[in-house]
Each structure stands twice: as C-alpha cells, then as structure tokens.
C-alpha cells in the first residue's frame, strides 16, 4: 500500500458521507487502489480499509443520529440496500435505515463481491454486489 492508496480511502469515506458517489463508484475506486476489503463500524462512526499486504487505514465517518435497534431485521436491511441501489437514499440515509434495522456494522469484500451486514448478537445478512453470483 502506498500514500496514494491511503488518500483514496479517505476520499471515498468523504464521498460516501457527502452522498456524492454511489456504492459502485466507491467500490471501483477502492478496487483500483487495491483495497481488498473494508469494515464499517456504524457505532464508532469509522471505516477500516485493508490491503492484501496486511496494511490498514482507519478513517472517521459522519456519525449516525440514532443508536442501532436492539434486534437485527434482515428484511429491513434488504429494503435499505434496495433503496440505496435504486438511488432513493444517499449514504447517510442508508446508515440511518441500517441502524433502524439493527445493523451495527458491515464488511465489504471487494474481491468476493459481497457485503455482510450484522447486528448486535451476530445475526447477519449477506448481500451480493449487483450482478454477482454466490459461489457454489
């Protein structure tokens, strides 16, 4: 990982918070910077980006107003994802919907083309990138 890759991670976090780039655009930029995966902690309002060489970079995000719900609802989480994919909500609104769904964090696996959303007790929901197929 180089200094430019770190700058891309910071830029992508800012673009998400501003709502000025889509998830697909963010993932494309991160992939080009060789980011392998990232973790978004909604409770701490931060993301941690990881590279294949073991390097990582923590970046603060805009906090969400409400604490995540006690129970995780996969159905509500799916609805939040669909709203973001349709462009009817931006990242801040998506995070609020995710928190209302009981999501406390998520992991984006760029090479694996999936996101794992999870709640306080470990309940989770896997969402594949649009057009990606689960491995057999």
N, C-alpha and C. Protein backbone atom coordinates (compact mmCIF):
# COMPACT_ATOMS: atom_id res chain seq x y z
N UNK A 1 0.84 -1.17 0.00
CA UNK A 1 0.00 0.00 0.00
C UNK A 1 0.88 1.24 0.00
N UNK A 2 0.45 2.25 -0.71
CA UNK A 2 1.22 3.49 -0.76
C UNK A 2 0.38 4.66 -0.24
N UNK A 3 1.00 5.81 -0.17
CA UNK A 3 0.33 7.01 0.34
C UNK A 3 -0.90 7.36 -0.49
N UNK A 4 -0.83 7.18 -1.80
CA UNK A 4 -1.97 7.47 -2.67
C UNK A 4 -3.16 6.57 -2.34
N UNK A 5 -2.89 5.30 -2.03
CA UNK A 5 -3.97 4.38 -1.68
C UNK A 5 -4.67 4.83 -0.41
N UNK A 6 -3.89 5.31 0.56
CA UNK A 6 -4.50 5.85 1.80
C UNK A 6 -5.38 7.06 1.47
N UNK A 7 -4.88 7.91 0.58
CA UNK A 7 -5.65 9.10 0.19
C UNK A 7 -6.97 8.70 -0.45
N UNK A 8 -6.96 7.64 -1.25
CA UNK A 8 -8.19 7.15 -1.89
C UNK A 8 -9.18 6.69 -0.82
N UNK A 9 -8.71 5.99 0.20
CA UNK A 9 -9.59 5.53 1.28
C UNK A 9 -10.25 6.74 1.96
N UNK A 10 -9.47 7.75 2.27
CA UNK A 10 -10.03 8.95 2.91
C UNK A 10 -11.02 9.65 1.98
N UNK A 11 -10.65 9.75 0.71
CA UNK A 11 -11.53 10.39 -0.27
C UNK A 11 -12.85 9.63 -0.40
N UNK A 12 -12.78 8.31 -0.45
CA UNK A 12 -14.00 7.51 -0.59
C UNK A 12 -14.91 7.64 0.62
N UNK A 13 -14.32 7.72 1.81
CA UNK A 13 -15.15 7.93 3.01
C UNK A 13 -15.85 9.28 2.94
N UNK A 14 -15.12 10.30 2.52
CA UNK A 14 -15.72 11.64 2.40
C UNK A 14 -16.82 11.66 1.35
N UNK A 15 -16.58 11.03 0.21
CA UNK A 15 -17.58 10.99 -0.85
C UNK A 15 -18.84 10.27 -0.39
N UNK A 16 -18.68 9.19 0.39
CA UNK A 16 -19.84 8.49 0.94
C UNK A 16 -20.63 9.41 1.87
N UNK A 17 -19.92 10.03 2.82
CA UNK A 17 -20.59 10.92 3.77
C UNK A 17 -21.33 12.05 3.08
N UNK A 18 -20.72 12.59 2.01
CA UNK A 18 -21.34 13.68 1.25
C UNK A 18 -22.50 13.21 0.39
N UNK A 19 -22.55 11.90 0.11
CA UNK A 19 -23.57 11.37 -0.78
C UNK A 19 -23.30 11.69 -2.23
N UNK A 20 -22.04 11.96 -2.55
CA UNK A 20 -21.72 12.38 -3.92
C UNK A 20 -21.15 11.27 -4.80
N UNK A 21 -21.15 10.04 -4.30
CA UNK A 21 -20.71 8.90 -5.11
C UNK A 21 -21.53 7.68 -4.70
N UNK A 22 -21.84 6.84 -5.67
CA UNK A 22 -22.60 5.63 -5.40
C UNK A 22 -21.69 4.54 -4.83
N UNK A 23 -22.31 3.52 -4.28
CA UNK A 23 -21.56 2.37 -3.77
C UNK A 23 -20.69 1.78 -4.87
N UNK A 24 -21.24 1.63 -6.07
CA UNK A 24 -20.47 1.06 -7.19
C UNK A 24 -19.25 1.92 -7.52
N UNK A 25 -19.42 3.24 -7.49
CA UNK A 25 -18.29 4.14 -7.75
C UNK A 25 -17.23 4.02 -6.65
N UNK A 26 -17.68 3.96 -5.41
CA UNK A 26 -16.75 3.83 -4.28
C UNK A 26 -15.96 2.52 -4.39
N UNK A 27 -16.66 1.43 -4.62
CA UNK A 27 -16.00 0.13 -4.72
C UNK A 27 -15.03 0.11 -5.90
N UNK A 28 -15.40 0.74 -7.00
CA UNK A 28 -14.50 0.82 -8.15
C UNK A 28 -13.22 1.56 -7.82
N UNK A 29 -13.34 2.68 -7.14
CA UNK A 29 -12.15 3.47 -6.75
C UNK A 29 -11.28 2.70 -5.78
N UNK A 30 -11.92 2.07 -4.80
CA UNK A 30 -11.15 1.31 -3.81
C UNK A 30 -10.45 0.11 -4.46
N UNK A 31 -11.16 -0.57 -5.34
CA UNK A 31 -10.55 -1.70 -6.04
C UNK A 31 -9.33 -1.26 -6.85
N UNK A 32 -9.43 -0.11 -7.51
CA UNK A 32 -8.30 0.42 -8.29
C UNK A 32 -7.12 0.76 -7.38
N UNK A 33 -7.40 1.10 -6.12
CA UNK A 33 -6.34 1.39 -5.15
C UNK A 33 -5.89 0.13 -4.42
N UNK A 34 -6.35 -1.01 -4.92
CA UNK A 34 -6.00 -2.34 -4.41
C UNK A 34 -6.49 -2.61 -2.99
N UNK A 35 -7.56 -1.91 -2.58
CA UNK A 35 -8.20 -2.22 -1.30
C UNK A 35 -8.88 -3.57 -1.47
N UNK A 36 -8.61 -4.47 -0.55
CA UNK A 36 -9.16 -5.82 -0.60
C UNK A 36 -10.55 -5.89 0.03
N UNK A 37 -10.70 -5.15 1.14
CA UNK A 37 -11.96 -5.17 1.89
C UNK A 37 -11.97 -3.98 2.83
N UNK A 38 -13.16 -3.68 3.36
CA UNK A 38 -13.24 -2.68 4.41
C UNK A 38 -14.36 -3.00 5.37
N UNK A 39 -14.18 -2.50 6.58
CA UNK A 39 -15.14 -2.70 7.66
C UNK A 39 -15.73 -1.35 8.04
N UNK A 40 -17.05 -1.26 8.09
CA UNK A 40 -17.73 -0.05 8.52
C UNK A 40 -18.36 -0.31 9.88
N UNK A 41 -17.94 0.45 10.87
CA UNK A 41 -18.48 0.35 12.22
C UNK A 41 -19.45 1.51 12.40
N UNK A 42 -20.74 1.23 12.38
CA UNK A 42 -21.74 2.29 12.50
C UNK A 42 -21.79 2.88 13.90
N UNK A 43 -21.46 2.09 14.90
CA UNK A 43 -21.48 2.56 16.27
C UNK A 43 -20.35 3.55 16.53
N UNK A 44 -19.16 3.25 16.03
CA UNK A 44 -17.99 4.12 16.24
C UNK A 44 -17.84 5.19 15.17
N UNK A 45 -18.65 5.10 14.11
CA UNK A 45 -18.59 6.05 13.00
C UNK A 45 -17.20 6.08 12.38
N UNK A 46 -16.74 4.90 11.96
CA UNK A 46 -15.44 4.81 11.30
C UNK A 46 -15.39 3.62 10.36
N UNK A 47 -14.49 3.72 9.40
CA UNK A 47 -14.23 2.62 8.48
C UNK A 47 -12.77 2.24 8.59
N UNK A 48 -12.50 0.97 8.42
CA UNK A 48 -11.13 0.49 8.36
C UNK A 48 -10.95 -0.21 7.02
N UNK A 49 -9.97 0.25 6.26
CA UNK A 49 -9.67 -0.29 4.93
C UNK A 49 -8.47 -1.22 5.04
N UNK A 50 -8.50 -2.33 4.30
CA UNK A 50 -7.44 -3.34 4.37
C UNK A 50 -6.88 -3.63 2.98
N UNK A 51 -5.57 -3.77 2.92
CA UNK A 51 -4.87 -4.15 1.69
C UNK A 51 -4.31 -5.56 1.84
N UNK A 52 -4.05 -6.24 0.71
CA UNK A 52 -3.56 -7.62 0.76
C UNK A 52 -2.22 -7.79 1.50
N UNK A 53 -1.41 -6.73 1.58
CA UNK A 53 -0.11 -6.84 2.26
C UNK A 53 -0.21 -6.72 3.77
N UNK A 54 -1.43 -6.60 4.30
CA UNK A 54 -1.63 -6.51 5.74
C UNK A 54 -1.77 -5.08 6.25
N UNK A 55 -1.53 -4.11 5.40
CA UNK A 55 -1.68 -2.71 5.80
C UNK A 55 -3.16 -2.37 5.97
N UNK A 56 -3.43 -1.39 6.82
CA UNK A 56 -4.80 -0.93 7.03
C UNK A 56 -4.80 0.56 7.34
N UNK A 57 -5.96 1.16 7.17
CA UNK A 57 -6.12 2.59 7.44
C UNK A 57 -7.50 2.82 8.03
N UNK A 58 -7.55 3.45 9.21
CA UNK A 58 -8.81 3.80 9.85
C UNK A 58 -9.19 5.22 9.47
N UNK A 59 -10.47 5.41 9.12
CA UNK A 59 -10.95 6.71 8.68
C UNK A 59 -12.26 7.02 9.40
N UNK A 60 -12.36 8.19 10.04
CA UNK A 60 -13.64 8.55 10.69
C UNK A 60 -14.72 8.86 9.66
N UNK A 61 -15.95 8.58 10.05
CA UNK A 61 -17.12 8.89 9.23
C UNK A 61 -18.07 9.78 10.01
N UNK A 62 -19.01 10.37 9.30
CA UNK A 62 -20.06 11.14 9.97
C UNK A 62 -20.88 10.18 10.84
N UNK A 63 -21.12 10.54 12.09
CA UNK A 63 -21.91 9.66 12.96
C UNK A 63 -23.37 9.64 12.55
N UNK A 64 -24.04 8.54 12.89
CA UNK A 64 -25.48 8.47 12.67
C UNK A 64 -26.18 8.96 13.94
N UNK A 65 -27.36 9.53 13.79
CA UNK A 65 -28.04 10.17 14.92
C UNK A 65 -28.60 9.18 15.93
N UNK A 66 -29.11 8.07 15.47
CA UNK A 66 -29.78 7.12 16.35
C UNK A 66 -28.90 5.89 16.62
N UNK A 67 -29.05 5.34 17.81
CA UNK A 67 -28.37 4.08 18.12
C UNK A 67 -29.05 2.95 17.34
N UNK A 68 -28.28 1.94 16.93
CA UNK A 68 -28.89 0.82 16.22
C UNK A 68 -29.93 0.10 17.08
N UNK A 69 -30.98 -0.36 16.43
CA UNK A 69 -32.04 -1.10 17.12
C UNK A 69 -31.46 -2.36 17.77
N UNK A 70 -32.11 -2.83 18.81
CA UNK A 70 -31.63 -3.99 19.56
C UNK A 70 -31.70 -5.28 18.73
N UNK A 71 -32.71 -5.40 17.90
CA UNK A 71 -32.88 -6.62 17.10
C UNK A 71 -32.56 -6.35 15.64
N UNK A 72 -31.86 -7.30 15.03
CA UNK A 72 -31.50 -7.19 13.62
C UNK A 72 -32.62 -7.74 12.76
N UNK A 73 -33.02 -6.98 11.75
CA UNK A 73 -34.07 -7.40 10.82
C UNK A 73 -33.48 -7.53 9.42
N UNK A 74 -33.24 -8.77 8.96
CA UNK A 74 -32.71 -8.94 7.60
C UNK A 74 -33.62 -8.33 6.54
N UNK A 75 -34.94 -8.41 6.75
CA UNK A 75 -35.88 -7.87 5.77
C UNK A 75 -35.74 -6.34 5.66
N UNK A 76 -35.63 -5.67 6.80
CA UNK A 76 -35.45 -4.21 6.78
C UNK A 76 -34.09 -3.85 6.18
N UNK A 77 -33.08 -4.66 6.46
CA UNK A 77 -31.75 -4.41 5.91
C UNK A 77 -31.78 -4.53 4.39
N UNK A 78 -32.46 -5.55 3.89
CA UNK A 78 -32.60 -5.72 2.43
C UNK A 78 -33.29 -4.51 1.82
N UNK A 79 -34.33 -4.02 2.48
CA UNK A 79 -35.06 -2.85 1.98
C UNK A 79 -34.15 -1.62 1.94
N UNK A 80 -33.31 -1.45 2.94
CA UNK A 80 -32.36 -0.33 2.96
C UNK A 80 -31.37 -0.44 1.80
N UNK A 81 -30.88 -1.64 1.56
CA UNK A 81 -29.94 -1.87 0.44
C UNK A 81 -30.64 -1.55 -0.88
N UNK A 82 -31.86 -2.03 -1.06
CA UNK A 82 -32.57 -1.79 -2.32
C UNK A 82 -32.81 -0.30 -2.53
N UNK A 83 -33.13 0.42 -1.47
CA UNK A 83 -33.34 1.87 -1.59
C UNK A 83 -32.04 2.56 -2.03
N UNK A 84 -30.92 2.13 -1.47
CA UNK A 84 -29.63 2.71 -1.87
C UNK A 84 -29.31 2.36 -3.32
N UNK A 85 -29.56 1.11 -3.71
CA UNK A 85 -29.29 0.68 -5.08
C UNK A 85 -30.16 1.46 -6.08
N UNK A 86 -31.38 1.76 -5.69
CA UNK A 86 -32.30 2.50 -6.56
C UNK A 86 -31.98 3.99 -6.59
N UNK A 87 -31.11 4.44 -5.69
CA UNK A 87 -30.75 5.85 -5.65
C UNK A 87 -31.76 6.72 -4.93
N UNK A 88 -32.69 6.10 -4.20
CA UNK A 88 -33.70 6.89 -3.48
C UNK A 88 -33.19 7.39 -2.13
N UNK A 89 -32.08 6.82 -1.64
CA UNK A 89 -31.43 7.31 -0.42
C UNK A 89 -29.93 7.40 -0.68
N UNK A 90 -29.30 8.34 -0.02
CA UNK A 90 -27.84 8.50 -0.07
C UNK A 90 -27.26 7.79 1.15
N UNK A 91 -25.95 7.84 1.28
CA UNK A 91 -25.26 7.06 2.31
C UNK A 91 -25.73 7.37 3.73
N UNK A 92 -25.88 8.64 4.09
CA UNK A 92 -26.31 8.98 5.46
C UNK A 92 -27.68 8.39 5.76
N UNK A 93 -28.60 8.52 4.80
CA UNK A 93 -29.94 7.95 4.98
C UNK A 93 -29.87 6.42 5.03
N UNK A 94 -29.00 5.85 4.20
CA UNK A 94 -28.81 4.40 4.23
C UNK A 94 -28.35 3.95 5.62
N UNK A 95 -27.37 4.66 6.19
CA UNK A 95 -26.86 4.31 7.52
C UNK A 95 -27.96 4.40 8.58
N UNK A 96 -28.81 5.42 8.47
CA UNK A 96 -29.93 5.56 9.41
C UNK A 96 -30.90 4.39 9.27
N UNK A 97 -31.19 4.00 8.03
CA UNK A 97 -32.06 2.85 7.79
C UNK A 97 -31.41 1.56 8.29
N UNK A 98 -30.11 1.42 8.07
CA UNK A 98 -29.40 0.24 8.54
C UNK A 98 -29.45 0.15 10.06
N UNK A 99 -29.22 1.28 10.74
CA UNK A 99 -29.29 1.30 12.20
C UNK A 99 -30.69 0.95 12.69
N UNK A 100 -31.71 1.49 12.03
CA UNK A 100 -33.09 1.16 12.39
C UNK A 100 -33.38 -0.32 12.17
N UNK A 101 -32.62 -0.94 11.27
CA UNK A 101 -32.74 -2.38 11.00
C UNK A 101 -31.96 -3.22 12.01
N UNK A 102 -31.26 -2.54 12.92
CA UNK A 102 -30.47 -3.25 13.92
C UNK A 102 -29.04 -3.54 13.49
N UNK A 103 -28.61 -2.95 12.39
CA UNK A 103 -27.25 -3.16 11.89
C UNK A 103 -26.28 -2.29 12.69
N UNK A 104 -25.21 -2.92 13.21
CA UNK A 104 -24.17 -2.17 13.93
C UNK A 104 -22.90 -2.02 13.09
N UNK A 105 -22.81 -2.79 12.01
CA UNK A 105 -21.64 -2.71 11.15
C UNK A 105 -21.78 -3.63 9.96
N UNK A 106 -20.84 -3.47 9.04
CA UNK A 106 -20.82 -4.33 7.87
C UNK A 106 -19.41 -4.43 7.32
N UNK A 107 -19.17 -5.53 6.62
CA UNK A 107 -17.89 -5.77 5.96
C UNK A 107 -18.12 -5.88 4.47
N UNK A 108 -17.34 -5.12 3.70
CA UNK A 108 -17.42 -5.15 2.25
C UNK A 108 -16.20 -5.91 1.74
N UNK A 109 -16.45 -7.00 1.04
CA UNK A 109 -15.40 -7.83 0.47
C UNK A 109 -15.36 -7.56 -1.03
N UNK A 110 -14.44 -6.69 -1.44
CA UNK A 110 -14.40 -6.23 -2.82
C UNK A 110 -14.13 -7.39 -3.78
N UNK A 111 -13.11 -8.20 -3.50
CA UNK A 111 -12.81 -9.33 -4.38
C UNK A 111 -13.92 -10.38 -4.34
N UNK A 112 -14.54 -10.55 -3.20
CA UNK A 112 -15.61 -11.53 -3.04
C UNK A 112 -16.97 -11.03 -3.50
N UNK A 113 -17.05 -9.73 -3.82
CA UNK A 113 -18.26 -9.11 -4.35
C UNK A 113 -19.48 -9.31 -3.48
N UNK A 114 -19.27 -9.09 -2.17
CA UNK A 114 -20.40 -9.22 -1.24
C UNK A 114 -20.20 -8.31 -0.04
N UNK A 115 -21.31 -8.07 0.64
CA UNK A 115 -21.31 -7.29 1.88
C UNK A 115 -22.02 -8.13 2.93
N UNK A 116 -21.44 -8.19 4.11
CA UNK A 116 -22.07 -8.89 5.24
C UNK A 116 -22.47 -7.83 6.26
N UNK A 117 -23.77 -7.69 6.47
CA UNK A 117 -24.33 -6.77 7.45
C UNK A 117 -24.64 -7.58 8.70
N UNK A 118 -24.39 -7.00 9.89
CA UNK A 118 -24.64 -7.77 11.11
C UNK A 118 -25.16 -6.88 12.23
N UNK A 119 -25.84 -7.55 13.17
CA UNK A 119 -26.41 -6.86 14.31
C UNK A 119 -25.65 -7.14 15.59
N UNK A 120 -26.20 -6.68 16.69
CA UNK A 120 -25.55 -6.78 18.00
C UNK A 120 -25.28 -8.19 18.48
N UNK A 121 -26.12 -9.13 18.07
CA UNK A 121 -25.97 -10.51 18.55
C UNK A 121 -25.32 -11.43 17.52
N UNK A 122 -24.86 -10.85 16.42
CA UNK A 122 -24.20 -11.66 15.40
C UNK A 122 -25.12 -12.12 14.29
N UNK A 123 -26.41 -11.80 14.40
CA UNK A 123 -27.31 -12.10 13.28
C UNK A 123 -26.80 -11.33 12.07
N UNK A 124 -26.90 -11.94 10.90
CA UNK A 124 -26.31 -11.30 9.73
C UNK A 124 -27.14 -11.51 8.47
N UNK A 125 -26.79 -10.72 7.48
CA UNK A 125 -27.40 -10.82 6.16
C UNK A 125 -26.31 -10.58 5.13
N UNK A 126 -26.20 -11.47 4.15
CA UNK A 126 -25.22 -11.31 3.07
C UNK A 126 -25.92 -10.75 1.85
N UNK A 127 -25.33 -9.71 1.31
CA UNK A 127 -25.85 -9.07 0.10
C UNK A 127 -24.77 -9.10 -0.96
N UNK A 128 -25.06 -9.71 -2.10
CA UNK A 128 -24.09 -9.78 -3.21
C UNK A 128 -24.11 -8.47 -3.98
N UNK A 129 -22.97 -8.10 -4.53
CA UNK A 129 -22.92 -6.91 -5.41
C UNK A 129 -23.89 -7.17 -6.56
N UNK A 130 -24.52 -6.12 -7.07
CA UNK A 130 -25.41 -6.31 -8.23
C UNK A 130 -24.69 -7.04 -9.37
N UNK A 131 -25.32 -8.09 -9.85
CA UNK A 131 -24.76 -8.87 -10.96
C UNK A 131 -23.83 -9.99 -10.53
N UNK A 132 -23.40 -10.01 -9.26
CA UNK A 132 -22.51 -11.06 -8.77
C UNK A 132 -23.35 -12.28 -8.38
N UNK A 133 -22.73 -13.43 -8.46
CA UNK A 133 -23.41 -14.68 -8.13
C UNK A 133 -22.72 -15.36 -6.97
N UNK A 134 -23.49 -15.96 -6.06
CA UNK A 134 -22.88 -16.71 -4.96
C UNK A 134 -22.02 -17.85 -5.50
N UNK A 135 -20.93 -18.14 -4.77
CA UNK A 135 -20.06 -19.27 -5.14
C UNK A 135 -20.80 -20.56 -4.86
N UNK A 136 -20.59 -21.58 -5.70
CA UNK A 136 -21.27 -22.86 -5.46
C UNK A 136 -20.73 -23.57 -4.23
